[in-house]
């Protein structure tokens, strides 16, 4: 048995207006080890999405900057 993090969280800076919205995903019932510890999210300035991120919070994340 292992402990899994799941749910959504928003981290915001009132001074700069930047925020990060993250979703920690549970492993599917019939999933494999690639489905463990997944996270996805957005980095925003106000309502504008600056970048998206996806990956595994214990190994590597891929951050994709949005094109203007």
PDB file of N, CA and C in Angstrom:
ATOM      1  N   UNK A   1       0.831  -1.181   0.000  1.00  0.00           N
ATOM      2  CA  UNK A   1       0.000   0.000   0.000  1.00  0.00           C
ATOM      3  C   UNK A   1       0.875   1.243   0.000  1.00  0.00           C
ATOM      4  N   UNK A   2       0.412   2.248  -0.707  1.00  0.00           N
ATOM      5  CA  UNK A   2       1.116   3.527  -0.733  1.00  0.00           C
ATOM      6  C   UNK A   2       0.124   4.654  -0.514  1.00  0.00           C
ATOM      7  N   UNK A   3       0.631   5.775  -0.052  1.00  0.00           N
ATOM      8  CA  UNK A   3      -0.175   6.965   0.140  1.00  0.00           C
ATOM      9  C   UNK A   3      -0.214   7.738  -1.170  1.00  0.00           C
ATOM     10  N   UNK A   4      -1.404   8.160  -1.596  1.00  0.00           N
ATOM     11  CA  UNK A   4      -1.545   8.939  -2.815  1.00  0.00           C
ATOM     12  C   UNK A   4      -2.130  10.302  -2.489  1.00  0.00           C
ATOM     13  N   UNK A   5      -1.604  11.329  -3.136  1.00  0.00           N
ATOM     14  CA  UNK A   5      -2.173  12.666  -3.031  1.00  0.00           C
ATOM     15  C   UNK A   5      -3.196  12.825  -4.143  1.00  0.00           C
ATOM     16  N   UNK A   6      -4.324  13.443  -3.845  1.00  0.00           N
ATOM     17  CA  UNK A   6      -5.342  13.675  -4.863  1.00  0.00           C
ATOM     18  C   UNK A   6      -6.112  14.941  -4.533  1.00  0.00           C
ATOM     19  N   UNK A   7      -6.541  15.630  -5.575  1.00  0.00           N
ATOM     20  CA  UNK A   7      -7.349  16.828  -5.401  1.00  0.00           C
ATOM     21  C   UNK A   7      -6.742  18.017  -6.097  1.00  0.00           C
ATOM     22  N   UNK A   8      -7.411  19.149  -5.925  1.00  0.00           N
ATOM     23  CA  UNK A   8      -6.979  20.384  -6.570  1.00  0.00           C
ATOM     24  C   UNK A   8      -6.492  21.381  -5.528  1.00  0.00           C
ATOM     25  N   UNK A   9      -5.531  22.213  -5.950  1.00  0.00           N
ATOM     26  CA  UNK A   9      -5.001  23.253  -5.078  1.00  0.00           C
ATOM     27  C   UNK A   9      -4.662  24.469  -5.938  1.00  0.00           C
ATOM     28  N   UNK A  10      -4.860  25.649  -5.384  1.00  0.00           N
ATOM     29  CA  UNK A  10      -4.462  26.888  -6.046  1.00  0.00           C
ATOM     30  C   UNK A  10      -3.479  27.606  -5.138  1.00  0.00           C
ATOM     31  N   UNK A  11      -2.358  28.005  -5.710  1.00  0.00           N
ATOM     32  CA  UNK A  11      -1.345  28.770  -4.990  1.00  0.00           C
ATOM     33  C   UNK A  11      -1.315  30.143  -5.658  1.00  0.00           C
ATOM     34  N   UNK A  12      -1.525  31.208  -4.894  1.00  0.00           N
ATOM     35  CA  UNK A  12      -1.630  32.543  -5.478  1.00  0.00           C
ATOM     36  C   UNK A  12      -0.764  33.544  -4.727  1.00  0.00           C
ATOM     37  N   UNK A  13      -0.231  34.497  -5.485  1.00  0.00           N
ATOM     38  CA  UNK A  13       0.538  35.598  -4.906  1.00  0.00           C
ATOM     39  C   UNK A  13      -0.286  36.883  -5.082  1.00  0.00           C
ATOM     40  N   UNK A  14      -0.778  37.437  -4.003  1.00  0.00           N
ATOM     41  CA  UNK A  14      -1.581  38.655  -4.075  1.00  0.00           C
ATOM     42  C   UNK A  14      -0.768  39.842  -4.579  1.00  0.00           C
ATOM     43  N   UNK A  15       0.521  39.848  -4.290  1.00  0.00           N
ATOM     44  CA  UNK A  15       1.377  40.975  -4.672  1.00  0.00           C
ATOM     45  C   UNK A  15       1.601  41.043  -6.180  1.00  0.00           C
ATOM     46  N   UNK A  16       1.840  39.900  -6.834  1.00  0.00           N
ATOM     47  CA  UNK A  16       2.172  39.894  -8.261  1.00  0.00           C
ATOM     48  C   UNK A  16       1.007  39.504  -9.165  1.00  0.00           C
ATOM     49  N   UNK A  17       0.004  38.809  -8.632  1.00  0.00           N
ATOM     50  CA  UNK A  17      -1.112  38.357  -9.441  1.00  0.00           C
ATOM     51  C   UNK A  17      -0.895  36.999 -10.089  1.00  0.00           C
ATOM     52  N   UNK A  18       0.283  36.413  -9.891  1.00  0.00           N
ATOM     53  CA  UNK A  18       0.553  35.079 -10.440  1.00  0.00           C
ATOM     54  C   UNK A  18      -0.153  34.022  -9.598  1.00  0.00           C
ATOM     55  N   UNK A  19      -0.564  32.936 -10.265  1.00  0.00           N
ATOM     56  CA  UNK A  19      -1.156  31.821  -9.541  1.00  0.00           C
ATOM     57  C   UNK A  19      -0.842  30.521 -10.265  1.00  0.00           C
ATOM     58  N   UNK A  20      -0.926  29.433  -9.535  1.00  0.00           N
ATOM     59  CA  UNK A  20      -0.762  28.094 -10.099  1.00  0.00           C
ATOM     60  C   UNK A  20      -1.943  27.262  -9.641  1.00  0.00           C
ATOM     61  N   UNK A  21      -2.622  26.643 -10.594  1.00  0.00           N
ATOM     62  CA  UNK A  21      -3.723  25.737 -10.294  1.00  0.00           C
ATOM     63  C   UNK A  21      -3.243  24.334 -10.606  1.00  0.00           C
ATOM     64  N   UNK A  22      -3.191  23.482  -9.603  1.00  0.00           N
ATOM     65  CA  UNK A  22      -2.662  22.131  -9.762  1.00  0.00           C
ATOM     66  C   UNK A  22      -3.726  21.100  -9.430  1.00  0.00           C
ATOM     67  N   UNK A  23      -3.699  19.986 -10.163  1.00  0.00           N
ATOM     68  CA  UNK A  23      -4.586  18.859  -9.871  1.00  0.00           C
ATOM     69  C   UNK A  23      -3.739  17.609  -9.715  1.00  0.00           C
ATOM     70  N   UNK A  24      -3.770  17.044  -8.525  1.00  0.00           N
ATOM     71  CA  UNK A  24      -3.087  15.790  -8.248  1.00  0.00           C
ATOM     72  C   UNK A  24      -4.086  14.667  -8.521  1.00  0.00           C
ATOM     73  N   UNK A  25      -3.710  13.736  -9.385  1.00  0.00           N
ATOM     74  CA  UNK A  25      -4.646  12.711  -9.850  1.00  0.00           C
ATOM     75  C   UNK A  25      -4.394  11.369  -9.166  1.00  0.00           C
ATOM     76  N   UNK A  26      -5.493  10.683  -8.859  1.00  0.00           N
ATOM     77  CA  UNK A  26      -5.400   9.335  -8.303  1.00  0.00           C
ATOM     78  C   UNK A  26      -5.094   8.335  -9.404  1.00  0.00           C
ATOM     79  N   UNK A  27      -4.403   7.276  -9.044  1.00  0.00           N
ATOM     80  CA  UNK A  27      -4.153   6.182  -9.984  1.00  0.00           C
ATOM     81  C   UNK A  27      -5.483   5.512 -10.304  1.00  0.00           C
ATOM     82  N   UNK A  28      -5.747   5.265 -11.599  1.00  0.00           N
ATOM     83  CA  UNK A  28      -6.982   4.553 -11.943  1.00  0.00           C
ATOM     84  C   UNK A  28      -6.998   3.157 -11.318  1.00  0.00           C
ATOM     85  N   UNK A  29      -8.190   2.632 -11.072  1.00  0.00           N
ATOM     86  CA  UNK A  29      -8.339   1.323 -10.445  1.00  0.00           C
ATOM     87  C   UNK A  29      -7.588   0.242 -11.221  1.00  0.00           C
ATOM     88  N   UNK A  30      -7.628   0.289 -12.548  1.00  0.00           N
ATOM     89  CA  UNK A  30      -6.948  -0.704 -13.378  1.00  0.00           C
ATOM     90  C   UNK A  30      -5.705  -0.126 -14.049  1.00  0.00           C
ATOM     91  N   UNK A  31      -5.114   0.896 -13.446  1.00  0.00           N
ATOM     92  CA  UNK A  31      -3.950   1.549 -14.038  1.00  0.00           C
ATOM     93  C   UNK A  31      -2.657   0.796 -13.783  1.00  0.00           C
ATOM     94  N   UNK A  32      -1.600   1.312 -14.392  1.00  0.00           N
ATOM     95  CA  UNK A  32      -0.269   0.742 -14.179  1.00  0.00           C
ATOM     96  C   UNK A  32       0.589   1.756 -13.425  1.00  0.00           C
ATOM     97  N   UNK A  33       1.866   1.461 -13.252  1.00  0.00           N
ATOM     98  CA  UNK A  33       2.750   2.344 -12.484  1.00  0.00           C
ATOM     99  C   UNK A  33       2.966   3.701 -13.145  1.00  0.00           C
ATOM    100  N   UNK A  34       2.744   3.822 -14.464  1.00  0.00           N
ATOM    101  CA  UNK A  34       2.879   5.109 -15.134  1.00  0.00           C
ATOM    102  C   UNK A  34       1.785   6.084 -14.704  1.00  0.00           C
ATOM    103  N   UNK A  35       0.710   5.583 -14.125  1.00  0.00           N
ATOM    104  CA  UNK A  35      -0.420   6.414 -13.714  1.00  0.00           C
ATOM    105  C   UNK A  35      -0.295   6.921 -12.281  1.00  0.00           C
ATOM    106  N   UNK A  36       0.753   6.554 -11.572  1.00  0.00           N
ATOM    107  CA  UNK A  36       0.921   6.936 -10.170  1.00  0.00           C
ATOM    108  C   UNK A  36       1.581   8.313 -10.073  1.00  0.00           C
ATOM    109  N   UNK A  37       1.133   9.122  -9.119  1.00  0.00           N
ATOM    110  CA  UNK A  37       1.729  10.420  -8.791  1.00  0.00           C
ATOM    111  C   UNK A  37       1.649  11.437  -9.934  1.00  0.00           C
ATOM    112  N   UNK A  38       0.582  11.402 -10.716  1.00  0.00           N
ATOM    113  CA  UNK A  38       0.421  12.348 -11.813  1.00  0.00           C
ATOM    114  C   UNK A  38      -0.107  13.682 -11.304  1.00  0.00           C
ATOM    115  N   UNK A  39       0.335  14.749 -11.965  1.00  0.00           N
ATOM    116  CA  UNK A  39      -0.137  16.091 -11.657  1.00  0.00           C
ATOM    117  C   UNK A  39      -0.263  16.847 -12.981  1.00  0.00           C
ATOM    118  N   UNK A  40      -1.252  17.746 -13.046  1.00  0.00           N
ATOM    119  CA  UNK A  40      -1.392  18.637 -14.191  1.00  0.00           C
ATOM    120  C   UNK A  40      -1.821  19.987 -13.654  1.00  0.00           C
ATOM    121  N   UNK A  41      -1.634  21.025 -14.455  1.00  0.00           N
ATOM    122  CA  UNK A  41      -2.029  22.334 -13.972  1.00  0.00           C
ATOM    123  C   UNK A  41      -1.754  23.456 -14.939  1.00  0.00           C
ATOM    124  N   UNK A  42      -2.011  24.673 -14.449  1.00  0.00           N
ATOM    125  CA  UNK A  42      -1.835  25.897 -15.226  1.00  0.00           C
ATOM    126  C   UNK A  42      -1.127  26.938 -14.375  1.00  0.00           C
ATOM    127  N   UNK A  43      -0.281  27.722 -15.016  1.00  0.00           N
ATOM    128  CA  UNK A  43       0.336  28.882 -14.387  1.00  0.00           C
ATOM    129  C   UNK A  43      -0.302  30.099 -15.038  1.00  0.00           C
ATOM    130  N   UNK A  44      -0.836  31.001 -14.201  1.00  0.00           N
ATOM    131  CA  UNK A  44      -1.615  32.115 -14.727  1.00  0.00           C
ATOM    132  C   UNK A  44      -1.126  33.450 -14.177  1.00  0.00           C
ATOM    133  N   UNK A  45      -1.391  34.501 -14.946  1.00  0.00           N
ATOM    134  CA  UNK A  45      -1.217  35.874 -14.490  1.00  0.00           C
ATOM    135  C   UNK A  45      -2.580  36.516 -14.649  1.00  0.00           C
ATOM    136  N   UNK A  46      -3.260  36.727 -13.528  1.00  0.00           N
ATOM    137  CA  UNK A  46      -4.658  37.156 -13.597  1.00  0.00           C
ATOM    138  C   UNK A  46      -5.479  36.020 -14.180  1.00  0.00           C
ATOM    139  N   UNK A  47      -6.214  36.298 -15.259  1.00  0.00           N
ATOM    140  CA  UNK A  47      -7.004  35.262 -15.926  1.00  0.00           C
ATOM    141  C   UNK A  47      -6.275  34.650 -17.112  1.00  0.00           C
ATOM    142  N   UNK A  48      -5.128  35.214 -17.497  1.00  0.00           N
ATOM    143  CA  UNK A  48      -4.366  34.733 -18.650  1.00  0.00           C
ATOM    144  C   UNK A  48      -3.524  33.509 -18.285  1.00  0.00           C
ATOM    145  N   UNK A  49      -3.667  32.437 -19.063  1.00  0.00           N
ATOM    146  CA  UNK A  49      -2.862  31.229 -18.860  1.00  0.00           C
ATOM    147  C   UNK A  49      -1.505  31.433 -19.546  1.00  0.00           C
ATOM    148  N   UNK A  50      -0.435  31.385 -18.754  1.00  0.00           N
ATOM    149  CA  UNK A  50       0.913  31.562 -19.285  1.00  0.00           C
ATOM    150  C   UNK A  50       1.552  30.246 -19.702  1.00  0.00           C
ATOM    151  N   UNK A  51       1.231  29.184 -18.972  1.00  0.00           N
ATOM    152  CA  UNK A  51       1.845  27.888 -19.245  1.00  0.00           C
ATOM    153  C   UNK A  51       0.977  26.789 -18.649  1.00  0.00           C
ATOM    154  N   UNK A  52       1.154  25.584 -19.197  1.00  0.00           N
ATOM    155  CA  UNK A  52       0.510  24.405 -18.638  1.00  0.00           C
ATOM    156  C   UNK A  52       1.605  23.443 -18.202  1.00  0.00           C
ATOM    157  N   UNK A  53       1.282  22.576 -17.283  1.00  0.00           N
ATOM    158  CA  UNK A  53       2.262  21.596 -16.843  1.00  0.00           C
ATOM    159  C   UNK A  53       1.597  20.243 -16.672  1.00  0.00           C
ATOM    160  N   UNK A  54       2.399  19.200 -16.861  1.00  0.00           N
ATOM    161  CA  UNK A  54       1.903  17.840 -16.752  1.00  0.00           C
ATOM    162  C   UNK A  54       3.079  16.925 -16.475  1.00  0.00           C
ATOM    163  N   UNK A  55       2.829  15.903 -15.688  1.00  0.00           N
ATOM    164  CA  UNK A  55       3.874  14.929 -15.408  1.00  0.00           C
ATOM    165  C   UNK A  55       3.644  14.224 -14.096  1.00  0.00           C
ATOM    166  N   UNK A  56       4.741  13.814 -13.489  1.00  0.00           N
ATOM    167  CA  UNK A  56       4.708  13.089 -12.220  1.00  0.00           C
ATOM    168  C   UNK A  56       5.447  13.923 -11.182  1.00  0.00           C
ATOM    169  N   UNK A  57       4.757  14.199 -10.067  1.00  0.00           N
ATOM    170  CA  UNK A  57       5.347  15.107  -9.087  1.00  0.00           C
ATOM    171  C   UNK A  57       6.549  14.526  -8.368  1.00  0.00           C
ATOM    172  N   UNK A  58       6.809  13.237  -8.469  1.00  0.00           N
ATOM    173  CA  UNK A  58       7.970  12.637  -7.817  1.00  0.00           C
ATOM    174  C   UNK A  58       9.151  12.438  -8.768  1.00  0.00           C
ATOM    175  N   UNK A  59       8.950  12.712 -10.069  1.00  0.00           N
ATOM    176  CA  UNK A  59      10.051  12.490 -11.004  1.00  0.00           C
ATOM    177  C   UNK A  59      10.266  13.680 -11.929  1.00  0.00           C
ATOM    178  N   UNK A  60       9.363  13.920 -12.872  1.00  0.00           N
ATOM    179  CA  UNK A  60       9.587  15.025 -13.812  1.00  0.00           C
ATOM    180  C   UNK A  60       8.276  15.637 -14.258  1.00  0.00           C
ATOM    181  N   UNK A  61       8.334  16.945 -14.492  1.00  0.00           N
ATOM    182  CA  UNK A  61       7.202  17.714 -15.002  1.00  0.00           C
ATOM    183  C   UNK A  61       7.596  18.368 -16.309  1.00  0.00           C
ATOM    184  N   UNK A  62       6.672  18.444 -17.235  1.00  0.00           N
ATOM    185  CA  UNK A  62       6.883  19.135 -18.498  1.00  0.00           C
ATOM    186  C   UNK A  62       6.054  20.412 -18.459  1.00  0.00           C
ATOM    187  N   UNK A  63       6.699  21.562 -18.626  1.00  0.00           N
ATOM    188  CA  UNK A  63       6.001  22.844 -18.634  1.00  0.00           C
ATOM    189  C   UNK A  63       6.005  23.365 -20.053  1.00  0.00           C
ATOM    190  N   UNK A  64       4.816  23.643 -20.563  1.00  0.00           N
ATOM    191  CA  UNK A  64       4.637  24.111 -21.935  1.00  0.00           C
ATOM    192  C   UNK A  64       4.177  25.568 -21.880  1.00  0.00           C
ATOM    193  N   UNK A  65       5.012  26.502 -22.372  1.00  0.00           N
ATOM    194  CA  UNK A  65       4.643  27.909 -22.385  1.00  0.00           C
ATOM    195  C   UNK A  65       3.629  28.159 -23.490  1.00  0.00           C
ATOM    196  N   UNK A  66       2.587  28.924 -23.182  1.00  0.00           N
ATOM    197  CA  UNK A  66       1.559  29.247 -24.179  1.00  0.00           C
ATOM    198  C   UNK A  66       2.106  30.265 -25.158  1.00  0.00           C
ATOM    199  N   UNK A  67       1.760  30.080 -26.427  1.00  0.00           N
ATOM    200  CA  UNK A  67       2.147  31.039 -27.470  1.00  0.00           C
ATOM    201  C   UNK A  67       1.181  32.220 -27.439  1.00  0.00           C
ATOM    202  N   UNK A  68       1.688  33.412 -27.677  1.00  0.00           N
ATOM    203  CA  UNK A  68       0.818  34.604 -27.714  1.00  0.00           C
ATOM    204  C   UNK A  68       0.209  34.787 -29.066  1.00  0.00           C
TER     205      UNK A  68
END
